[in-house]
PDB file of N, CA and C in Angstrom:
ATOM      1  N   MET A   1     145.589  61.441 148.180  1.00  0.00           N
ATOM      2  CA  MET A   1     146.402  61.843 147.149  1.00  0.00           C
ATOM      3  C   MET A   1     146.880  60.630 146.400  1.00  0.00           C
ATOM      4  N   SER A   2     146.279  60.704 145.180  1.00  0.00           N
ATOM      5  CA  SER A   2     146.798  59.580 144.451  1.00  0.00           C
ATOM      6  C   SER A   2     148.080  59.729 143.755  1.00  0.00           C
ATOM      7  N   LYS A   3     148.794  58.670 143.589  1.00  0.00           N
ATOM      8  CA  LYS A   3     150.030  58.722 142.886  1.00  0.00           C
ATOM      9  C   LYS A   3     150.025  57.955 141.741  1.00  0.00           C
ATOM     10  N   THR A   4     150.377  58.428 140.497  1.00  0.00           N
ATOM     11  CA  THR A   4     150.596  57.565 139.461  1.00  0.00           C
ATOM     12  C   THR A   4     152.002  57.472 139.003  1.00  0.00           C
ATOM     13  N   ARG A   5     152.459  56.746 138.042  1.00  0.00           N
ATOM     14  CA  ARG A   5     153.677  56.665 137.676  1.00  0.00           C
ATOM     15  C   ARG A   5     154.256  57.947 137.062  1.00  0.00           C
ATOM     16  N   PHE A   6     153.269  58.937 136.727  1.00  0.00           N
ATOM     17  CA  PHE A   6     153.794  60.218 136.257  1.00  0.00           C
ATOM     18  C   PHE A   6     153.831  61.339 137.307  1.00  0.00           C
ATOM     19  N   GLY A   7     153.295  61.057 138.531  1.00  0.00           N
ATOM     20  CA  GLY A   7     153.384  61.898 139.532  1.00  0.00           C
ATOM     21  C   GLY A   7     151.956  62.159 140.315  1.00  0.00           C
ATOM     22  N   SER A   8     151.782  63.175 141.114  1.00  0.00           N
ATOM     23  CA  SER A   8     150.671  63.383 141.843  1.00  0.00           C
ATOM     24  C   SER A   8     149.447  63.929 140.875  1.00  0.00           C
ATOM     25  N   LEU A   9     148.167  63.682 141.297  1.00  0.00           N
ATOM     26  CA  LEU A   9     147.060  64.090 140.614  1.00  0.00           C
ATOM     27  C   LEU A   9     146.634  65.569 140.945  1.00  0.00           C
ATOM     28  N   ASP A  10     147.203  66.050 142.104  1.00  0.00           N
ATOM     29  CA  ASP A  10     146.771  67.305 142.650  1.00  0.00           C
ATOM     30  C   ASP A  10     147.038  68.343 141.544  1.00  0.00           C
ATOM     31  N   GLY A  11     148.035  68.374 140.824  1.00  0.00           N
ATOM     32  CA  GLY A  11     148.243  69.523 139.911  1.00  0.00           C
ATOM     33  C   GLY A  11     147.236  69.619 138.764  1.00  0.00           C
ATOM     34  N   ILE A  12     146.705  68.227 138.437  1.00  0.00           N
ATOM     35  CA  ILE A  12     145.626  68.238 137.372  1.00  0.00           C
ATOM     36  C   ILE A  12     144.408  68.951 137.882  1.00  0.00           C
ATOM     37  N   HIS A  13     144.139  68.619 139.186  1.00  0.00           N
ATOM     38  CA  HIS A  13     142.745  69.202 139.751  1.00  0.00           C
ATOM     39  C   HIS A  13     143.015  70.828 139.796  1.00  0.00           C
ATOM     40  N   GLN A  14     144.134  71.304 140.114  1.00  0.00           N
ATOM     41  CA  GLN A  14     144.293  72.706 140.043  1.00  0.00           C
ATOM     42  C   GLN A  14     144.204  73.461 138.640  1.00  0.00           C
ATOM     43  N   ILE A  15     144.709  72.698 137.558  1.00  0.00           N
ATOM     44  CA  ILE A  15     144.566  73.107 136.161  1.00  0.00           C
ATOM     45  C   ILE A  15     143.090  73.195 135.801  1.00  0.00           C
ATOM     46  N   LYS A  16     142.372  72.065 136.310  1.00  0.00           N
ATOM     47  CA  LYS A  16     140.971  72.056 135.971  1.00  0.00           C
ATOM     48  C   LYS A  16     140.087  73.324 136.382  1.00  0.00           C
ATOM     49  N   LYS A  17     140.520  73.566 137.644  1.00  0.00           N
ATOM     50  CA  LYS A  17     139.873  74.604 138.512  1.00  0.00           C
ATOM     51  C   LYS A  17     140.220  76.010 137.678  1.00  0.00           C
ATOM     52  N   LYS A  18     141.366  76.211 137.331  1.00  0.00           N
ATOM     53  CA  LYS A  18     141.632  77.511 136.439  1.00  0.00           C
ATOM     54  C   LYS A  18     140.951  77.518 135.170  1.00  0.00           C
ATOM     55  N   ASN A  19     140.861  76.300 134.506  1.00  0.00           N
ATOM     56  CA  ASN A  19     140.115  76.412 133.220  1.00  0.00           C
ATOM     57  C   ASN A  19     138.707  76.663 133.380  1.00  0.00           C
ATOM     58  N   VAL A  20     138.001  76.231 134.469  1.00  0.00           N
ATOM     59  CA  VAL A  20     136.558  76.452 134.860  1.00  0.00           C
ATOM     60  C   VAL A  20     136.417  77.890 134.995  1.00  0.00           C
ATOM     61  N   ALA A  21     137.201  78.558 135.669  1.00  0.00           N
ATOM     62  CA  ALA A  21     137.081  80.072 136.000  1.00  0.00           C
ATOM     63  C   ALA A  21     137.285  80.709 134.637  1.00  0.00           C
ATOM     64  N   GLY A  22     138.276  80.404 133.742  1.00  0.00           N
ATOM     65  CA  GLY A  22     138.527  81.203 132.449  1.00  0.00           C
ATOM     66  C   GLY A  22     137.209  80.879 131.553  1.00  0.00           C
ATOM     67  N   SER A  23     136.925  79.689 131.407  1.00  0.00           N
ATOM     68  CA  SER A  23     135.773  79.356 130.510  1.00  0.00           C
ATOM     69  C   SER A  23     134.265  80.068 131.113  1.00  0.00           C
ATOM     70  N   THR A  24     134.344  80.209 132.531  1.00  0.00           N
ATOM     71  CA  THR A  24     133.058  80.993 132.905  1.00  0.00           C
ATOM     72  C   THR A  24     133.230  82.374 132.391  1.00  0.00           C
ATOM     73  N   MET A  25     134.221  83.120 132.636  1.00  0.00           N
ATOM     74  CA  MET A  25     134.385  84.513 132.086  1.00  0.00           C
ATOM     75  C   MET A  25     134.269  84.644 130.696  1.00  0.00           C
ATOM     76  N   LEU A  26     134.786  83.570 129.933  1.00  0.00           N
ATOM     77  CA  LEU A  26     134.645  83.669 128.475  1.00  0.00           C
ATOM     78  C   LEU A  26     133.116  83.518 128.049  1.00  0.00           C
ATOM     79  N   SER A  27     132.363  82.666 128.755  1.00  0.00           N
ATOM     80  CA  SER A  27     130.915  82.452 128.479  1.00  0.00           C
ATOM     81  C   SER A  27     130.142  83.733 128.954  1.00  0.00           C
ATOM     82  N   ALA A  28     130.550  84.432 129.959  1.00  0.00           N
ATOM     83  CA  ALA A  28     129.852  85.655 130.349  1.00  0.00           C
ATOM     84  C   ALA A  28     130.114  86.699 129.374  1.00  0.00           C
ATOM     85  N   ALA A  29     131.324  86.864 128.887  1.00  0.00           N
ATOM     86  CA  ALA A  29     131.624  87.811 127.874  1.00  0.00           C
ATOM     87  C   ALA A  29     130.916  87.573 126.605  1.00  0.00           C
ATOM     88  N   MET A  30     130.916  86.272 126.286  1.00  0.00           N
ATOM     89  CA  MET A  30     130.122  85.961 124.946  1.00  0.00           C
ATOM     90  C   MET A  30     128.656  86.339 125.128  1.00  0.00           C
ATOM     91  N   PHE A  31     128.117  86.056 126.172  1.00  0.00           N
ATOM     92  CA  PHE A  31     126.734  86.400 126.560  1.00  0.00           C
ATOM     93  C   PHE A  31     126.441  87.799 126.320  1.00  0.00           C
ATOM     94  N   LEU A  32     127.247  88.634 126.975  1.00  0.00           N
ATOM     95  CA  LEU A  32     127.135  89.950 126.840  1.00  0.00           C
ATOM     96  C   LEU A  32     127.223  90.626 125.411  1.00  0.00           C
ATOM     97  N   LEU A  33     128.244  90.024 124.850  1.00  0.00           N
ATOM     98  CA  LEU A  33     128.524  90.432 123.327  1.00  0.00           C
ATOM     99  C   LEU A  33     127.189  90.174 122.514  1.00  0.00           C
ATOM    100  N   ILE A  34     126.666  88.943 122.699  1.00  0.00           N
ATOM    101  CA  ILE A  34     125.533  88.570 121.921  1.00  0.00           C
ATOM    102  C   ILE A  34     124.290  89.401 122.354  1.00  0.00           C
ATOM    103  N   PHE A  35     124.147  89.727 123.655  1.00  0.00           N
ATOM    104  CA  PHE A  35     123.004  90.470 124.031  1.00  0.00           C
ATOM    105  C   PHE A  35     123.122  91.854 123.518  1.00  0.00           C
ATOM    106  N   VAL A  36     124.291  92.575 123.494  1.00  0.00           N
ATOM    107  CA  VAL A  36     124.499  93.925 122.838  1.00  0.00           C
ATOM    108  C   VAL A  36     124.178  93.869 121.382  1.00  0.00           C
ATOM    109  N   LEU A  37     124.611  92.737 120.719  1.00  0.00           N
ATOM    110  CA  LEU A  37     124.323  92.759 119.204  1.00  0.00           C
ATOM    111  C   LEU A  37     122.862  92.481 119.017  1.00  0.00           C
ATOM    112  N   PHE A  38     122.063  91.842 119.921  1.00  0.00           N
ATOM    113  CA  PHE A  38     120.662  91.670 119.771  1.00  0.00           C
ATOM    114  C   PHE A  38     119.941  92.989 119.954  1.00  0.00           C
ATOM    115  N   LEU A  39     120.489  93.801 120.933  1.00  0.00           N
ATOM    116  CA  LEU A  39     119.725  94.951 121.138  1.00  0.00           C
ATOM    117  C   LEU A  39     119.941  96.041 119.952  1.00  0.00           C
ATOM    118  N   PHE A  40     121.075  95.894 119.362  1.00  0.00           N
ATOM    119  CA  PHE A  40     121.390  96.790 118.104  1.00  0.00           C
ATOM    120  C   PHE A  40     120.447  96.385 116.928  1.00  0.00           C
ATOM    121  N   ALA A  41     120.291  95.036 116.895  1.00  0.00           N
ATOM    122  CA  ALA A  41     119.394  94.669 115.836  1.00  0.00           C
ATOM    123  C   ALA A  41     118.124  94.906 115.955  1.00  0.00           C
ATOM    124  N   VAL A  42     117.534  94.983 117.220  1.00  0.00           N
ATOM    125  CA  VAL A  42     116.181  95.310 117.499  1.00  0.00           C
ATOM    126  C   VAL A  42     115.985  96.753 117.242  1.00  0.00           C
ATOM    127  N   SER A  43     116.957  97.656 117.539  1.00  0.00           N
ATOM    128  CA  SER A  43     116.885  99.048 117.418  1.00  0.00           C
ATOM    129  C   SER A  43     116.903  99.267 115.954  1.00  0.00           C
ATOM    130  N   ALA A  44     117.727  98.721 115.251  1.00  0.00           N
ATOM    131  CA  ALA A  44     117.634  99.056 113.777  1.00  0.00           C
ATOM    132  C   ALA A  44     116.446  98.549 113.048  1.00  0.00           C
ATOM    133  N   ALA A  45     115.819  97.355 113.469  1.00  0.00           N
ATOM    134  CA  ALA A  45     114.544  97.069 112.982  1.00  0.00           C
ATOM    135  C   ALA A  45     113.359  97.914 113.268  1.00  0.00           C
ATOM    136  N   SER A  46     113.520  98.356 114.575  1.00  0.00           N
ATOM    137  CA  SER A  46     112.438  99.488 114.837  1.00  0.00           C
ATOM    138  C   SER A  46     112.542 100.667 114.079  1.00  0.00           C
ATOM    139  N   LYS A  47     113.835 101.185 113.727  1.00  0.00           N
ATOM    140  CA  LYS A  47     113.826 102.456 112.922  1.00  0.00           C
ATOM    141  C   LYS A  47     113.376 102.106 111.594  1.00  0.00           C
ATOM    142  N   GLY A  48     113.573 100.919 111.105  1.00  0.00           N
ATOM    143  CA  GLY A  48     113.165 100.669 109.669  1.00  0.00           C
ATOM    144  C   GLY A  48     111.781 100.418 109.551  1.00  0.00           C
ATOM    145  N   SER A  49     110.956 100.057 110.701  1.00  0.00           N
ATOM    146  CA  SER A  49     109.693  99.888 110.740  1.00  0.00           C
ATOM    147  C   SER A  49     109.005 101.236 110.768  1.00  0.00           C
ATOM    148  N   VAL A  50     109.453 102.165 111.468  1.00  0.00           N
ATOM    149  CA  VAL A  50     108.917 103.524 111.550  1.00  0.00           C
ATOM    150  C   VAL A  50     109.024 104.246 110.358  1.00  0.00           C
ATOM    151  N   GLU A  51     110.142 104.072 109.516  1.00  0.00           N
ATOM    152  CA  GLU A  51     110.320 104.694 108.174  1.00  0.00           C
ATOM    153  C   GLU A  51     109.517 104.173 107.183  1.00  0.00           C
ATOM    154  N   GLU A  52     109.147 102.728 107.201  1.00  0.00           N
ATOM    155  CA  GLU A  52     108.168 102.118 106.451  1.00  0.00           C
ATOM    156  C   GLU A  52     106.755 102.654 106.597  1.00  0.00           C
ATOM    157  N   GLN A  53     106.305 102.938 107.976  1.00  0.00           N
ATOM    158  CA  GLN A  53     105.088 103.539 108.285  1.00  0.00           C
ATOM    159  C   GLN A  53     104.963 104.994 107.770  1.00  0.00           C
ATOM    160  N   ARG A  54     105.960 105.646 107.808  1.00  0.00           N
ATOM    161  CA  ARG A  54     105.990 107.007 107.311  1.00  0.00           C
ATOM    162  C   ARG A  54     105.784 107.017 105.714  1.00  0.00           C
ATOM    163  N   GLN A  55     106.536 106.176 105.097  1.00  0.00           N
ATOM    164  CA  GLN A  55     106.409 105.983 103.669  1.00  0.00           C
ATOM    165  C   GLN A  55     105.009 105.700 103.275  1.00  0.00           C
ATOM    166  N   SER A  56     104.497 104.646 103.958  1.00  0.00           N
ATOM    167  CA  SER A  56     103.168 104.049 103.572  1.00  0.00           C
ATOM    168  C   SER A  56     102.025 105.128 103.817  1.00  0.00           C
ATOM    169  N   LEU A  57     102.250 105.961 104.980  1.00  0.00           N
ATOM    170  CA  LEU A  57     101.316 107.056 105.043  1.00  0.00           C
ATOM    171  C   LEU A  57     101.454 108.065 103.991  1.00  0.00           C
ATOM    172  N   SER A  58     102.645 108.529 103.422  1.00  0.00           N
ATOM    173  CA  SER A  58     102.850 109.454 102.461  1.00  0.00           C
ATOM    174  C   SER A  58     102.142 109.028 101.135  1.00  0.00           C
ATOM    175  N   GLU A  59     102.390 107.583 100.936  1.00  0.00           N
ATOM    176  CA  GLU A  59     101.697 107.035  99.672  1.00  0.00           C
ATOM    177  C   GLU A  59     100.186 107.063  99.723  1.00  0.00           C
ATOM    178  N   ALA A  60      99.708 106.835 100.866  1.00  0.00           N
ATOM    179  CA  ALA A  60      98.201 106.706 101.070  1.00  0.00           C
ATOM    180  C   ALA A  60      97.831 108.241 100.735  1.00  0.00           C
ATOM    181  N   ILE A  61      98.254 109.233 101.508  1.00  0.00           N
ATOM    182  CA  ILE A  61      98.013 110.581 101.238  1.00  0.00           C
ATOM    183  C   ILE A  61      97.962 111.021  99.789  1.00  0.00           C
ATOM    184  N   ASP A  62      98.928 110.610  99.139  1.00  0.00           N
ATOM    185  CA  ASP A  62      99.202 110.849  97.736  1.00  0.00           C
ATOM    186  C   ASP A  62      97.984 110.397  96.806  1.00  0.00           C
ATOM    187  N   ARG A  63      97.781 109.074  97.160  1.00  0.00           N
ATOM    188  CA  ARG A  63      96.626 108.305  96.465  1.00  0.00           C
ATOM    189  C   ARG A  63      95.240 109.001  96.598  1.00  0.00           C
ATOM    190  N   ALA A  64      95.101 109.338  97.943  1.00  0.00           N
ATOM    191  CA  ALA A  64      93.716 110.032  98.416  1.00  0.00           C
ATOM    192  C   ALA A  64      93.641 111.452  97.601  1.00  0.00           C
ATOM    193  N   VAL A  65      94.635 112.119  97.559  1.00  0.00           N
ATOM    194  CA  VAL A  65      94.743 113.455  96.974  1.00  0.00           C
ATOM    195  C   VAL A  65      94.377 113.307  95.510  1.00  0.00           C
ATOM    196  N   ILE A  66      95.065 112.478  94.855  1.00  0.00           N
ATOM    197  CA  ILE A  66      94.877 112.185  93.439  1.00  0.00           C
ATOM    198  C   ILE A  66      93.457 111.779  93.047  1.00  0.00           C
ATOM    199  N   GLN A  67      92.949 110.801  93.924  1.00  0.00           N
ATOM    200  CA  GLN A  67      91.559 110.193  93.741  1.00  0.00           C
ATOM    201  C   GLN A  67      90.546 111.314  93.995  1.00  0.00           C
ATOM    202  N   CYS A  68      90.679 112.353  94.881  1.00  0.00           N
ATOM    203  CA  CYS A  68      89.959 113.469  95.092  1.00  0.00           C
ATOM    204  C   CYS A  68      89.843 114.376  93.927  1.00  0.00           C
ATOM    205  N   TYR A  69      91.042 114.693  93.447  1.00  0.00           N
ATOM    206  CA  TYR A  69      90.995 115.415  92.358  1.00  0.00           C
ATOM    207  C   TYR A  69      90.325 114.830  90.974  1.00  0.00           C
ATOM    208  N   ALA A  70      90.440 113.486  90.917  1.00  0.00           N
ATOM    209  CA  ALA A  70      89.919 112.743  89.816  1.00  0.00           C
ATOM    210  C   ALA A  70      88.453 112.696  89.791  1.00  0.00           C
ATOM    211  N   THR A  71      87.928 112.451  91.032  1.00  0.00           N
ATOM    212  CA  THR A  71      86.557 112.439  91.241  1.00  0.00           C
ATOM    213  C   THR A  71      85.751 113.554  91.404  1.00  0.00           C
ATOM    214  N   GLU A  72      86.314 114.485  92.186  1.00  0.00           N
ATOM    215  CA  GLU A  72      85.694 115.832  92.519  1.00  0.00           C
ATOM    216  C   GLU A  72      86.186 117.067  91.570  1.00  0.00           C
ATOM    217  N   GLY A  73      87.214 116.890  90.793  1.00  0.00           N
ATOM    218  CA  GLY A  73      87.798 117.976  89.885  1.00  0.00           C
ATOM    219  C   GLY A  73      88.381 118.924  90.731  1.00  0.00           C
ATOM    220  N   ARG A  74      88.724 118.874  91.870  1.00  0.00           N
ATOM    221  CA  ARG A  74      89.530 119.745  92.737  1.00  0.00           C
ATOM    222  C   ARG A  74      90.370 119.054  93.963  1.00  0.00           C
ATOM    223  N   TYR A  75      91.390 119.757  94.259  1.00  0.00           N
ATOM    224  CA  TYR A  75      92.106 119.168  95.457  1.00  0.00           C
ATOM    225  C   TYR A  75      91.448 119.311  96.827  1.00  0.00           C
ATOM    226  N   PRO A  76      91.702 118.470  97.714  1.00  0.00           N
ATOM    227  CA  PRO A  76      90.882 118.498  98.968  1.00  0.00           C
ATOM    228  C   PRO A  76      91.334 119.745  99.592  1.00  0.00           C
ATOM    229  N   GLU A  77      90.335 120.452 100.200  1.00  0.00           N
ATOM    230  CA  GLU A  77      90.652 121.694 100.972  1.00  0.00           C
ATOM    231  C   GLU A  77      91.340 121.696 102.308  1.00  0.00           C
ATOM    232  N   SER A  78      91.337 120.378 102.895  1.00  0.00           N
ATOM    233  CA  SER A  78      92.064 120.280 104.223  1.00  0.00           C
ATOM    234  C   SER A  78      92.457 118.703 104.374  1.00  0.00           C
ATOM    235  N   PHE A  79      93.560 118.612 105.221  1.00  0.00           N
ATOM    236  CA  PHE A  79      93.569 117.102 105.608  1.00  0.00           C
ATOM    237  C   PHE A  79      92.531 116.357 106.392  1.00  0.00           C
ATOM    238  N   GLU A  80      91.778 117.145 107.038  1.00  0.00           N
ATOM    239  CA  GLU A  80      90.677 116.617 107.743  1.00  0.00           C
ATOM    240  C   GLU A  80      89.713 116.092 106.754  1.00  0.00           C
ATOM    241  N   TYR A  81      89.523 116.872 105.717  1.00  0.00           N
ATOM    242  CA  TYR A  81      88.616 116.366 104.591  1.00  0.00           C
ATOM    243  C   TYR A  81      89.078 115.048 103.966  1.00  0.00           C
ATOM    244  N   LEU A  82      90.354 114.875 103.877  1.00  0.00           N
ATOM    245  CA  LEU A  82      90.906 113.573 103.410  1.00  0.00           C
ATOM    246  C   LEU A  82      90.535 112.401 104.394  1.00  0.00           C
ATOM    247  N   GLN A  83      90.803 112.844 105.656  1.00  0.00           N
ATOM    248  CA  GLN A  83      90.676 111.703 106.692  1.00  0.00           C
ATOM    249  C   GLN A  83      89.111 111.383 106.646  1.00  0.00           C
ATOM    250  N   LYS A  84      88.246 112.288 106.604  1.00  0.00           N
ATOM    251  CA  LYS A  84      86.831 111.924 106.699  1.00  0.00           C
ATOM    252  C   LYS A  84      86.216 111.254 105.498  1.00  0.00           C
ATOM    253  N   ASN A  85      86.551 111.786 104.324  1.00  0.00           N
ATOM    254  CA  ASN A  85      85.966 111.239 103.077  1.00  0.00           C
ATOM    255  C   ASN A  85      86.872 110.191 102.278  1.00  0.00           C
ATOM    256  N   TYR A  86      88.141 110.065 102.532  1.00  0.00           N
ATOM    257  CA  TYR A  86      88.906 109.171 101.849  1.00  0.00           C
ATOM    258  C   TYR A  86      89.722 108.003 102.788  1.00  0.00           C
ATOM    259  N   GLY A  87      89.103 108.092 104.033  1.00  0.00           N
ATOM    260  CA  GLY A  87      89.699 106.950 104.901  1.00  0.00           C
ATOM    261  C   GLY A  87      91.202 107.042 105.329  1.00  0.00           C
ATOM    262  N   ILE A  88      91.773 108.164 105.411  1.00  0.00           N
ATOM    263  CA  ILE A  88      93.205 108.341 105.804  1.00  0.00           C
ATOM    264  C   ILE A  88      93.179 108.151 107.347  1.00  0.00           C
ATOM    265  N   ILE A  89      93.917 106.974 107.774  1.00  0.00           N
ATOM    266  CA  ILE A  89      94.001 106.870 109.245  1.00  0.00           C
ATOM    267  C   ILE A  89      95.663 106.540 109.597  1.00  0.00           C
ATOM    268  N   TYR A  90      96.077 107.276 110.657  1.00  0.00           N
ATOM    269  CA  TYR A  90      97.327 107.254 111.002  1.00  0.00           C
ATOM    270  C   TYR A  90      97.560 107.482 112.446  1.00  0.00           C
ATOM    271  N   ALA A  91      98.856 107.093 112.900  1.00  0.00           N
ATOM    272  CA  ALA A  91      99.037 107.368 114.258  1.00  0.00           C
ATOM    273  C   ALA A  91      99.468 108.612 114.636  1.00  0.00           C
ATOM    274  N   ASP A  92      98.492 109.396 115.091  1.00  0.00           N
ATOM    275  CA  ASP A  92      98.643 110.817 115.289  1.00  0.00           C
ATOM    276  C   ASP A  92      99.673 111.161 116.498  1.00  0.00           C
ATOM    277  N   ASP A  93      99.930 110.249 117.189  1.00  0.00           N
ATOM    278  CA  ASP A  93     100.955 110.392 118.464  1.00  0.00           C
ATOM    279  C   ASP A  93     102.230 110.226 117.873  1.00  0.00           C
ATOM    280  N   GLN A  94     102.373 109.450 116.785  1.00  0.00           N
ATOM    281  CA  GLN A  94     103.737 109.249 116.085  1.00  0.00           C
ATOM    282  C   GLN A  94     104.179 110.197 115.046  1.00  0.00           C
ATOM    283  N   PHE A  95     103.109 110.681 114.209  1.00  0.00           N
ATOM    284  CA  PHE A  95     103.419 111.416 113.064  1.00  0.00           C
ATOM    285  C   PHE A  95     102.522 112.892 113.086  1.00  0.00           C
ATOM    286  N   ARG A  96     103.041 113.780 112.442  1.00  0.00           N
ATOM    287  CA  ARG A  96     102.274 115.002 112.332  1.00  0.00           C
ATOM    288  C   ARG A  96     102.160 115.153 110.834  1.00  0.00           C
ATOM    289  N   VAL A  97     101.002 115.573 110.229  1.00  0.00           N
ATOM    290  CA  VAL A  97     100.913 115.823 108.887  1.00  0.00           C
ATOM    291  C   VAL A  97     100.702 117.350 108.530  1.00  0.00           C
ATOM    292  N   ASP A  98     101.698 117.955 108.001  1.00  0.00           N
ATOM    293  CA  ASP A  98     101.635 119.378 107.578  1.00  0.00           C
ATOM    294  C   ASP A  98     100.954 119.434 106.136  1.00  0.00           C
ATOM    295  N   TYR A  99      99.819 119.992 106.040  1.00  0.00           N
ATOM    296  CA  TYR A  99      99.128 120.051 104.714  1.00  0.00           C
ATOM    297  C   TYR A  99      98.801 121.524 104.414  1.00  0.00           C
ATOM    298  N   VAL A 100      99.566 121.898 103.325  1.00  0.00           N
ATOM    299  CA  VAL A 100      99.608 123.395 102.826  1.00  0.00           C
ATOM    300  C   VAL A 100      98.775 123.365 101.530  1.00  0.00           C
ATOM    301  N   ILE A 101      97.802 124.224 101.456  1.00  0.00           N
ATOM    302  CA  ILE A 101      96.840 124.395 100.264  1.00  0.00           C
ATOM    303  C   ILE A 101      97.462 125.771  99.552  1.00  0.00           C
ATOM    304  N   TYR A 102      97.730 125.662  98.218  1.00  0.00           N
ATOM    305  CA  TYR A 102      98.015 126.859  97.437  1.00  0.00           C
ATOM    306  C   TYR A 102      96.833 127.409  96.695  1.00  0.00           C
ATOM    307  N   GLY A 103      95.858 126.516  96.465  1.00  0.00           N
ATOM    308  CA  GLY A 103      94.676 126.794  95.637  1.00  0.00           C
ATOM    309  C   GLY A 103      93.884 125.605  95.261  1.00  0.00           C
ATOM    310  N   THR A 104      92.710 125.619  94.742  1.00  0.00           N
ATOM    311  CA  THR A 104      91.919 124.583  94.370  1.00  0.00           C
ATOM    312  C   THR A 104      92.316 123.819  93.138  1.00  0.00           C
ATOM    313  N   ASN A 105      93.190 124.499  92.382  1.00  0.00           N
ATOM    314  CA  ASN A 105      93.680 123.821  91.299  1.00  0.00           C
ATOM    315  C   ASN A 105      95.183 123.350  91.273  1.00  0.00           C
ATOM    316  N   MET A 106      95.690 123.702  92.381  1.00  0.00           N
ATOM    317  CA  MET A 106      97.138 123.357  92.649  1.00  0.00           C
ATOM    318  C   MET A 106      97.193 122.308  93.654  1.00  0.00           C
ATOM    319  N   ARG A 107      98.050 121.316  93.368  1.00  0.00           N
ATOM    320  CA  ARG A 107      98.312 120.229  94.249  1.00  0.00           C
ATOM    321  C   ARG A 107      98.845 120.761  95.575  1.00  0.00           C
ATOM    322  N   PRO A 108      98.301 120.151  96.803  1.00  0.00           N
ATOM    323  CA  PRO A 108      98.858 120.611  98.009  1.00  0.00           C
ATOM    324  C   PRO A 108     100.186 120.117  98.468  1.00  0.00           C
ATOM    325  N   ASP A 109     100.825 120.711  99.254  1.00  0.00           N
ATOM    326  CA  ASP A 109     102.144 120.386  99.779  1.00  0.00           C
ATOM    327  C   ASP A 109     101.912 119.623 100.998  1.00  0.00           C
ATOM    328  N   VAL A 110     102.296 118.214 101.083  1.00  0.00           N
ATOM    329  CA  VAL A 110     102.185 117.398 102.205  1.00  0.00           C
ATOM    330  C   VAL A 110     103.637 117.103 102.782  1.00  0.00           C
ATOM    331  N   THR A 111     103.641 117.223 104.093  1.00  0.00           N
ATOM    332  CA  THR A 111     104.906 116.975 104.722  1.00  0.00           C
ATOM    333  C   THR A 111     104.679 116.110 105.947  1.00  0.00           C
ATOM    334  N   ILE A 112     105.231 115.170 106.212  1.00  0.00           N
ATOM    335  CA  ILE A 112     105.053 114.064 107.370  1.00  0.00           C
ATOM    336  C   ILE A 112     106.216 114.308 108.166  1.00  0.00           C
ATOM    337  N   ILE A 113     105.823 114.672 109.437  1.00  0.00           N
ATOM    338  CA  ILE A 113     106.933 115.072 110.534  1.00  0.00           C
ATOM    339  C   ILE A 113     106.912 113.668 111.535  1.00  0.00           C
ATOM    340  N   ASP A 114     108.033 113.137 111.687  1.00  0.00           N
ATOM    341  CA  ASP A 114     108.015 112.017 112.816  1.00  0.00           C
ATOM    342  C   ASP A 114     108.312 112.563 114.169  1.00  0.00           C
ATOM    343  N   LEU A 115     107.283 112.428 114.927  1.00  0.00           N
ATOM    344  CA  LEU A 115     107.409 113.069 116.373  1.00  0.00           C
ATOM    345  C   LEU A 115     108.153 112.358 117.275  1.00  0.00           C
ATOM    346  N   GLN A 116     108.644 111.168 116.968  1.00  0.00           N
ATOM    347  CA  GLN A 116     109.482 110.213 117.934  1.00  0.00           C
ATOM    348  C   GLN A 116     110.891 110.493 117.820  1.00  0.00           C
ATOM    349  N   ARG A 117     111.409 111.419 116.743  1.00  0.00           N
ATOM    350  CA  ARG A 117     112.763 111.609 116.606  1.00  0.00           C
ATOM    351  C   ARG A 117     113.273 112.742 117.596  1.00  0.00           C
TER     352      ARG A 117
END
């Protein structure tokens, strides 16, 4: 036990031990907070990516429908026809395309349904 002119050093060692425990808890809490924020950010980015894929598929189908009408003089009779002749490729496990035809001279109604929601 060392003695200085201010007193014993034992009290200083006890204070350091208390600070180490407190800083360890603070570090663990900060790590958990950052980890949770990271998970929320990844989730938000994933949702945005799916929405972009849906939007891209919608635009590709619209372009193919218009191109078919411009080159063939009629709208496509089925979505399978668009896939086969105009190169529409999509993740069929993630999206469902509802393609409703009203007539050869009327634009079809296309609805894209996200199966992951």
